[in-house]
Amino acid sequence: MTTPGAYAFELGDTIPTEDMQESAAQLREILLSHKGEQITVVDEQRESQTLVLAPALSKLLRDILAHIERGEGVTFVPNSKLLTTQQAADILNVSRPFLIKLLEEKKLPFTKTGRHRRIEARDLFAFKRERDAQRDKQLDEIIGMDQELY
């Protein structure tokens, strides 16, 4: 996910080069073929080390590498980061007034710093996961009703 603003950590400051894209594709294929098994890595001094990746970390790296392989920039937002209402709205892909309405309806926790509302990234991403799951469930129900008609 690429999001604007100085509240996130970007990988580099440019779009991935062709070399980076090719390297990302190769590393992603290696990770796909091992799925958390032991991998031997050779460092700059030509010494080999055995590396075991947890499945969740392997999946995360594969997802990141897929974005780089497609030439897309990648941005990380730490879970503990406090986001402004505009930053949170951008991540949810909603308007700032709509986000503020969610906050006022207590559908999303926030804190106040002076007059300004701040949303913790972990709360925002939990809300987003729940919202997306509900949306998927509703779409499945609609598809099911449509199939019953035929």
C-alpha atoms as a PDB file:
ATOM      1  CA  MET A   1       0.000   0.000   0.000  1.00  0.00           C
ATOM      2  CA  THR A   2       1.387   3.368  -0.910  1.00  0.00           C
ATOM      3  CA  THR A   3       0.157   6.265   1.160  1.00  0.00           C
ATOM      4  CA  PRO A   4       1.217   9.906   1.071  1.00  0.00           C
ATOM      5  CA  GLY A   5       2.746  11.832   3.923  1.00  0.00           C
ATOM      6  CA  ALA A   6       5.708  11.966   6.246  1.00  0.00           C
ATOM      7  CA  TYR A   7       4.045   9.626   8.757  1.00  0.00           C
ATOM      8  CA  ALA A   8       5.199   6.511   6.912  1.00  0.00           C
ATOM      9  CA  PHE A   9       8.516   4.927   6.068  1.00  0.00           C
ATOM     10  CA  GLU A  10       9.178   4.615   2.369  1.00  0.00           C
ATOM     11  CA  LEU A  11      11.499   2.074   0.811  1.00  0.00           C
ATOM     12  CA  GLY A  12      13.868   4.298  -1.070  1.00  0.00           C
ATOM     13  CA  ASP A  13      12.819   7.536  -2.643  1.00  0.00           C
ATOM     14  CA  THR A  14      12.277   6.383  -6.212  1.00  0.00           C
ATOM     15  CA  ILE A  15      10.192   3.924  -8.157  1.00  0.00           C
ATOM     16  CA  PRO A  16      11.911   0.513  -8.314  1.00  0.00           C
ATOM     17  CA  THR A  17      14.374   0.151 -11.184  1.00  0.00           C
ATOM     18  CA  GLU A  18      14.276  -2.756 -13.654  1.00  0.00           C
ATOM     19  CA  ASP A  19      17.168  -4.394 -11.767  1.00  0.00           C
ATOM     20  CA  MET A  20      15.247  -4.107  -8.500  1.00  0.00           C
ATOM     21  CA  GLN A  21      12.136  -5.527 -10.156  1.00  0.00           C
ATOM     22  CA  GLU A  22      14.075  -8.516 -11.524  1.00  0.00           C
ATOM     23  CA  SER A  23      15.757  -9.146  -8.168  1.00  0.00           C
ATOM     24  CA  ALA A  24      12.406  -8.894  -6.391  1.00  0.00           C
ATOM     25  CA  ALA A  25      10.906 -11.426  -8.817  1.00  0.00           C
ATOM     26  CA  GLN A  26      13.777 -13.876  -8.232  1.00  0.00           C
ATOM     27  CA  LEU A  27      13.633 -13.546  -4.446  1.00  0.00           C
ATOM     28  CA  ARG A  28       9.851 -13.888  -4.465  1.00  0.00           C
ATOM     29  CA  GLU A  29      10.135 -17.126  -6.481  1.00  0.00           C
ATOM     30  CA  ILE A  30      12.676 -18.465  -3.969  1.00  0.00           C
ATOM     31  CA  LEU A  31      10.360 -17.641  -1.078  1.00  0.00           C
ATOM     32  CA  LEU A  32       7.388 -19.196  -2.882  1.00  0.00           C
ATOM     33  CA  SER A  33       9.300 -22.430  -3.436  1.00  0.00           C
ATOM     34  CA  HIS A  34      10.462 -22.728   0.194  1.00  0.00           C
ATOM     35  CA  LYS A  35       7.386 -21.543   2.163  1.00  0.00           C
ATOM     36  CA  GLY A  36       9.177 -21.083   5.469  1.00  0.00           C
ATOM     37  CA  GLU A  37      11.696 -23.890   5.050  1.00  0.00           C
ATOM     38  CA  GLN A  38      15.397 -23.345   5.556  1.00  0.00           C
ATOM     39  CA  ILE A  39      17.081 -21.088   3.041  1.00  0.00           C
ATOM     40  CA  THR A  40      20.833 -20.716   2.649  1.00  0.00           C
ATOM     41  CA  VAL A  41      22.018 -17.136   2.248  1.00  0.00           C
ATOM     42  CA  VAL A  42      25.532 -16.161   1.162  1.00  0.00           C
ATOM     43  CA  ASP A  43      26.726 -12.842   2.567  1.00  0.00           C
ATOM     44  CA  GLU A  44      29.225 -10.351   1.095  1.00  0.00           C
ATOM     45  CA  GLN A  45      32.181 -12.272   2.576  1.00  0.00           C
ATOM     46  CA  ARG A  46      30.962 -15.407   0.768  1.00  0.00           C
ATOM     47  CA  GLU A  47      29.987 -17.050   4.059  1.00  0.00           C
ATOM     48  CA  SER A  48      26.779 -19.023   4.018  1.00  0.00           C
ATOM     49  CA  GLN A  49      24.161 -18.813   6.726  1.00  0.00           C
ATOM     50  CA  THR A  50      20.994 -20.818   7.164  1.00  0.00           C
ATOM     51  CA  LEU A  51      17.871 -18.752   7.497  1.00  0.00           C
ATOM     52  CA  VAL A  52      14.437 -19.961   8.570  1.00  0.00           C
ATOM     53  CA  LEU A  53      11.553 -17.609   7.942  1.00  0.00           C
ATOM     54  CA  ALA A  54       8.301 -17.903   9.828  1.00  0.00           C
ATOM     55  CA  PRO A  55       5.432 -18.454   7.364  1.00  0.00           C
ATOM     56  CA  ALA A  56       3.838 -15.091   8.210  1.00  0.00           C
ATOM     57  CA  LEU A  57       7.098 -13.225   7.581  1.00  0.00           C
ATOM     58  CA  SER A  58       7.643 -15.144   4.361  1.00  0.00           C
ATOM     59  CA  LYS A  59       4.161 -14.119   3.157  1.00  0.00           C
ATOM     60  CA  LEU A  60       4.772 -10.485   4.107  1.00  0.00           C
ATOM     61  CA  LEU A  61       8.054 -10.440   2.190  1.00  0.00           C
ATOM     62  CA  ARG A  62       6.411 -12.106  -0.835  1.00  0.00           C
ATOM     63  CA  ASP A  63       3.672  -9.448  -0.822  1.00  0.00           C
ATOM     64  CA  ILE A  64       6.220  -6.617  -0.618  1.00  0.00           C
ATOM     65  CA  LEU A  65       8.336  -8.186  -3.353  1.00  0.00           C
ATOM     66  CA  ALA A  66       5.276  -8.554  -5.609  1.00  0.00           C
ATOM     67  CA  HIS A  67       4.701  -4.789  -5.413  1.00  0.00           C
ATOM     68  CA  ILE A  68       8.357  -4.058  -6.148  1.00  0.00           C
ATOM     69  CA  GLU A  69       8.295  -6.584  -9.022  1.00  0.00           C
ATOM     70  CA  ARG A  70       5.423  -4.600 -10.583  1.00  0.00           C
ATOM     71  CA  GLY A  71       7.430  -1.378 -10.199  1.00  0.00           C
ATOM     72  CA  GLU A  72       5.239  -0.013  -7.416  1.00  0.00           C
ATOM     73  CA  GLY A  73       6.594   1.935  -4.457  1.00  0.00           C
ATOM     74  CA  VAL A  74       6.029   0.519  -0.977  1.00  0.00           C
ATOM     75  CA  THR A  75       5.299   2.456   2.208  1.00  0.00           C
ATOM     76  CA  PHE A  76       5.173   1.103   5.768  1.00  0.00           C
ATOM     77  CA  VAL A  77       3.047   2.564   8.532  1.00  0.00           C
ATOM     78  CA  PRO A  78       3.995   1.321  12.024  1.00  0.00           C
ATOM     79  CA  ASN A  79       1.002   0.094  14.068  1.00  0.00           C
ATOM     80  CA  SER A  80       1.784   2.527  16.882  1.00  0.00           C
ATOM     81  CA  LYS A  81       1.886   5.586  14.613  1.00  0.00           C
ATOM     82  CA  LEU A  82      -0.729   8.253  15.318  1.00  0.00           C
ATOM     83  CA  LEU A  83      -2.364   9.397  12.094  1.00  0.00           C
ATOM     84  CA  THR A  84      -4.172  12.622  11.308  1.00  0.00           C
ATOM     85  CA  THR A  85      -7.766  12.426  10.145  1.00  0.00           C
ATOM     86  CA  GLN A  86      -6.655  13.183   6.581  1.00  0.00           C
ATOM     87  CA  GLN A  87      -4.035  10.427   6.615  1.00  0.00           C
ATOM     88  CA  ALA A  88      -6.563   7.946   8.025  1.00  0.00           C
ATOM     89  CA  ALA A  89      -9.161   8.993   5.438  1.00  0.00           C
ATOM     90  CA  ASP A  90      -6.594   8.497   2.661  1.00  0.00           C
ATOM     91  CA  ILE A  91      -5.810   4.960   3.876  1.00  0.00           C
ATOM     92  CA  LEU A  92      -9.516   4.064   4.050  1.00  0.00           C
ATOM     93  CA  ASN A  93     -10.123   5.806   0.717  1.00  0.00           C
ATOM     94  CA  VAL A  94     -12.943   7.906   2.167  1.00  0.00           C
ATOM     95  CA  SER A  95     -13.444  11.625   2.583  1.00  0.00           C
ATOM     96  CA  ARG A  96     -12.189  13.358   5.712  1.00  0.00           C
ATOM     97  CA  PRO A  97     -15.743  14.460   6.698  1.00  0.00           C
ATOM     98  CA  PHE A  98     -16.932  10.839   6.401  1.00  0.00           C
ATOM     99  CA  LEU A  99     -14.049   9.675   8.613  1.00  0.00           C
ATOM    100  CA  ILE A 100     -14.885  12.335  11.215  1.00  0.00           C
ATOM    101  CA  LYS A 101     -18.479  11.075  11.199  1.00  0.00           C
ATOM    102  CA  LEU A 102     -17.166   7.558  11.947  1.00  0.00           C
ATOM    103  CA  LEU A 103     -15.137   8.969  14.833  1.00  0.00           C
ATOM    104  CA  GLU A 104     -18.081  10.904  16.251  1.00  0.00           C
ATOM    105  CA  GLU A 105     -20.251   7.767  16.021  1.00  0.00           C
ATOM    106  CA  LYS A 106     -17.529   5.949  18.015  1.00  0.00           C
ATOM    107  CA  LYS A 107     -17.046   3.380  15.264  1.00  0.00           C
ATOM    108  CA  LEU A 108     -13.312   4.031  15.363  1.00  0.00           C
ATOM    109  CA  PRO A 109     -11.291   4.942  18.472  1.00  0.00           C
ATOM    110  CA  PHE A 110      -9.231   8.131  18.528  1.00  0.00           C
ATOM    111  CA  THR A 111      -7.449  10.467  20.892  1.00  0.00           C
ATOM    112  CA  LYS A 112      -7.294  14.234  20.920  1.00  0.00           C
ATOM    113  CA  THR A 113      -4.136  16.278  20.896  1.00  0.00           C
ATOM    114  CA  GLY A 114      -5.415  19.737  21.640  1.00  0.00           C
ATOM    115  CA  ARG A 115      -8.206  20.239  19.109  1.00  0.00           C
ATOM    116  CA  HIS A 116      -6.835  17.620  16.707  1.00  0.00           C
ATOM    117  CA  ARG A 117      -8.039  14.029  16.479  1.00  0.00           C
ATOM    118  CA  ARG A 118      -5.441  11.286  16.091  1.00  0.00           C
ATOM    119  CA  ILE A 119      -6.096   7.673  15.126  1.00  0.00           C
ATOM    120  CA  GLU A 120      -3.662   4.913  16.008  1.00  0.00           C
ATOM    121  CA  ALA A 121      -2.671   2.966  12.892  1.00  0.00           C
ATOM    122  CA  ARG A 122      -3.419  -0.412  14.528  1.00  0.00           C
ATOM    123  CA  ASP A 123      -6.993   0.695  15.278  1.00  0.00           C
ATOM    124  CA  LEU A 124      -7.424   2.009  11.745  1.00  0.00           C
ATOM    125  CA  PHE A 125      -6.164  -1.214  10.149  1.00  0.00           C
ATOM    126  CA  ALA A 126      -8.362  -3.341  12.459  1.00  0.00           C
ATOM    127  CA  PHE A 127     -11.364  -1.239  11.419  1.00  0.00           C
ATOM    128  CA  LYS A 128     -10.395  -1.604   7.756  1.00  0.00           C
ATOM    129  CA  ARG A 129     -10.048  -5.405   8.041  1.00  0.00           C
ATOM    130  CA  GLU A 130     -13.464  -5.676   9.730  1.00  0.00           C
ATOM    131  CA  ARG A 131     -15.092  -3.365   7.182  1.00  0.00           C
ATOM    132  CA  ASP A 132     -13.589  -5.306   4.280  1.00  0.00           C
ATOM    133  CA  ALA A 133     -14.685  -8.649   5.792  1.00  0.00           C
ATOM    134  CA  GLN A 134     -18.255  -7.378   6.198  1.00  0.00           C
ATOM    135  CA  ARG A 135     -18.242  -6.096   2.632  1.00  0.00           C
ATOM    136  CA  ASP A 136     -17.000  -9.470   1.334  1.00  0.00           C
ATOM    137  CA  LYS A 137     -19.675 -11.310   3.323  1.00  0.00           C
ATOM    138  CA  GLN A 138     -22.418  -9.058   1.930  1.00  0.00           C
ATOM    139  CA  LEU A 139     -21.130  -9.528  -1.623  1.00  0.00           C
ATOM    140  CA  ASP A 140     -21.116 -13.321  -1.140  1.00  0.00           C
ATOM    141  CA  GLU A 141     -24.738 -13.147   0.056  1.00  0.00           C
ATOM    142  CA  ILE A 142     -25.739 -11.086  -2.976  1.00  0.00           C
ATOM    143  CA  ILE A 143     -23.982 -13.521  -5.314  1.00  0.00           C
ATOM    144  CA  GLY A 144     -25.721 -16.419  -3.544  1.00  0.00           C
ATOM    145  CA  MET A 145     -29.143 -14.801  -3.975  1.00  0.00           C
ATOM    146  CA  ASP A 146     -28.371 -14.132  -7.630  1.00  0.00           C
ATOM    147  CA  GLN A 147     -27.420 -17.776  -8.209  1.00  0.00           C
ATOM    148  CA  GLU A 148     -30.632 -18.962  -6.542  1.00  0.00           C
ATOM    149  CA  LEU A 149     -32.623 -17.074  -9.165  1.00  0.00           C
ATOM    150  CA  TYR A 150     -31.133 -19.198 -11.954  1.00  0.00           C
END
